[in-house]
Amino acid sequence: MNMVDGPLMLKKSSLGGGIKMAQDYGRQVAAKLE
């Protein structure tokens, strides 16, 4: 892994993780509201 690809891959994976976390959080909130 070179210096350019490293941060880019990390950013991409953390963004994907953030989206998944947001979806999970949204489900938890929806469950509490019901």
N, C-alpha and C. Protein backbone atom coordinates (compact mmCIF):
# COMPACT_ATOMS: atom_id res chain seq x y z
N MET A 1 0.85 -1.20 0.00
CA MET A 1 0.00 0.00 0.00
C MET A 1 0.88 1.24 0.00
N ASN A 2 0.70 2.13 -0.99
CA ASN A 2 1.54 3.32 -1.03
C ASN A 2 0.88 4.48 -0.32
N MET A 3 1.57 5.60 -0.23
CA MET A 3 1.11 6.74 0.58
C MET A 3 -0.19 7.36 0.04
N VAL A 4 -0.42 7.24 -1.27
CA VAL A 4 -1.61 7.86 -1.85
C VAL A 4 -2.84 6.97 -1.64
N ASP A 5 -2.68 5.67 -1.88
CA ASP A 5 -3.82 4.75 -1.76
C ASP A 5 -4.24 4.53 -0.32
N GLY A 6 -3.30 4.57 0.62
CA GLY A 6 -3.58 4.30 2.03
C GLY A 6 -4.72 5.14 2.59
N PRO A 7 -4.55 6.46 2.68
CA PRO A 7 -5.59 7.33 3.25
C PRO A 7 -6.89 7.25 2.46
N LEU A 8 -6.80 7.08 1.14
CA LEU A 8 -7.99 7.03 0.30
C LEU A 8 -8.83 5.80 0.66
N MET A 9 -8.16 4.65 0.79
CA MET A 9 -8.86 3.41 1.15
C MET A 9 -9.46 3.53 2.54
N LEU A 10 -8.71 4.13 3.46
CA LEU A 10 -9.18 4.30 4.83
C LEU A 10 -10.42 5.18 4.86
N LYS A 11 -10.36 6.26 4.10
CA LYS A 11 -11.48 7.20 4.05
C LYS A 11 -12.72 6.50 3.48
N LYS A 12 -12.51 5.72 2.43
CA LYS A 12 -13.62 5.03 1.77
C LYS A 12 -14.27 4.03 2.73
N SER A 13 -13.44 3.26 3.44
CA SER A 13 -13.99 2.24 4.34
C SER A 13 -14.66 2.88 5.55
N SER A 14 -14.10 3.98 6.05
CA SER A 14 -14.71 4.64 7.21
C SER A 14 -16.02 5.32 6.81
N LEU A 15 -16.09 5.80 5.57
CA LEU A 15 -17.33 6.40 5.08
C LEU A 15 -18.42 5.33 4.99
N GLY A 16 -18.06 4.16 4.45
CA GLY A 16 -19.01 3.06 4.36
C GLY A 16 -19.46 2.63 5.75
N GLY A 17 -18.52 2.56 6.70
CA GLY A 17 -18.85 2.20 8.07
C GLY A 17 -19.77 3.23 8.70
N GLY A 18 -19.53 4.49 8.40
CA GLY A 18 -20.36 5.57 8.95
C GLY A 18 -21.79 5.48 8.45
N ILE A 19 -21.93 5.15 7.16
CA ILE A 19 -23.27 5.02 6.58
C ILE A 19 -24.00 3.84 7.23
N LYS A 20 -23.29 2.73 7.42
CA LYS A 20 -23.92 1.57 8.05
C LYS A 20 -24.32 1.89 9.49
N MET A 21 -23.46 2.60 10.21
CA MET A 21 -23.77 2.99 11.58
C MET A 21 -25.00 3.90 11.62
N ALA A 22 -25.09 4.80 10.66
CA ALA A 22 -26.23 5.72 10.60
C ALA A 22 -27.52 4.95 10.35
N GLN A 23 -27.46 3.94 9.47
CA GLN A 23 -28.64 3.13 9.19
C GLN A 23 -29.07 2.34 10.42
N ASP A 24 -28.09 1.75 11.12
CA ASP A 24 -28.39 1.00 12.34
C ASP A 24 -29.00 1.91 13.39
N TYR A 25 -28.44 3.12 13.52
CA TYR A 25 -28.95 4.09 14.50
C TYR A 25 -30.38 4.48 14.15
N GLY A 26 -30.64 4.69 12.86
CA GLY A 26 -31.98 5.05 12.41
C GLY A 26 -32.99 3.97 12.75
N ARG A 27 -32.59 2.71 12.63
CA ARG A 27 -33.49 1.60 12.97
C ARG A 27 -33.78 1.59 14.47
N GLN A 28 -32.76 1.84 15.28
CA GLN A 28 -32.95 1.85 16.74
C GLN A 28 -33.92 2.96 17.14
N VAL A 29 -33.75 4.14 16.56
CA VAL A 29 -34.63 5.27 16.87
C VAL A 29 -36.06 4.95 16.45
N ALA A 30 -36.22 4.38 15.25
CA ALA A 30 -37.55 4.03 14.75
C ALA A 30 -38.21 3.01 15.67
N ALA A 31 -37.44 2.05 16.15
CA ALA A 31 -37.99 1.03 17.05
C ALA A 31 -38.47 1.65 18.35
N LYS A 32 -37.73 2.64 18.86
CA LYS A 32 -38.13 3.29 20.11
C LYS A 32 -39.39 4.12 19.93
N LEU A 33 -39.57 4.69 18.75
CA LEU A 33 -40.72 5.55 18.50
C LEU A 33 -42.02 4.75 18.35
N GLU A 34 -41.90 3.50 17.91
CA GLU A 34 -43.11 2.70 17.66
C GLU A 34 -43.83 2.31 18.94
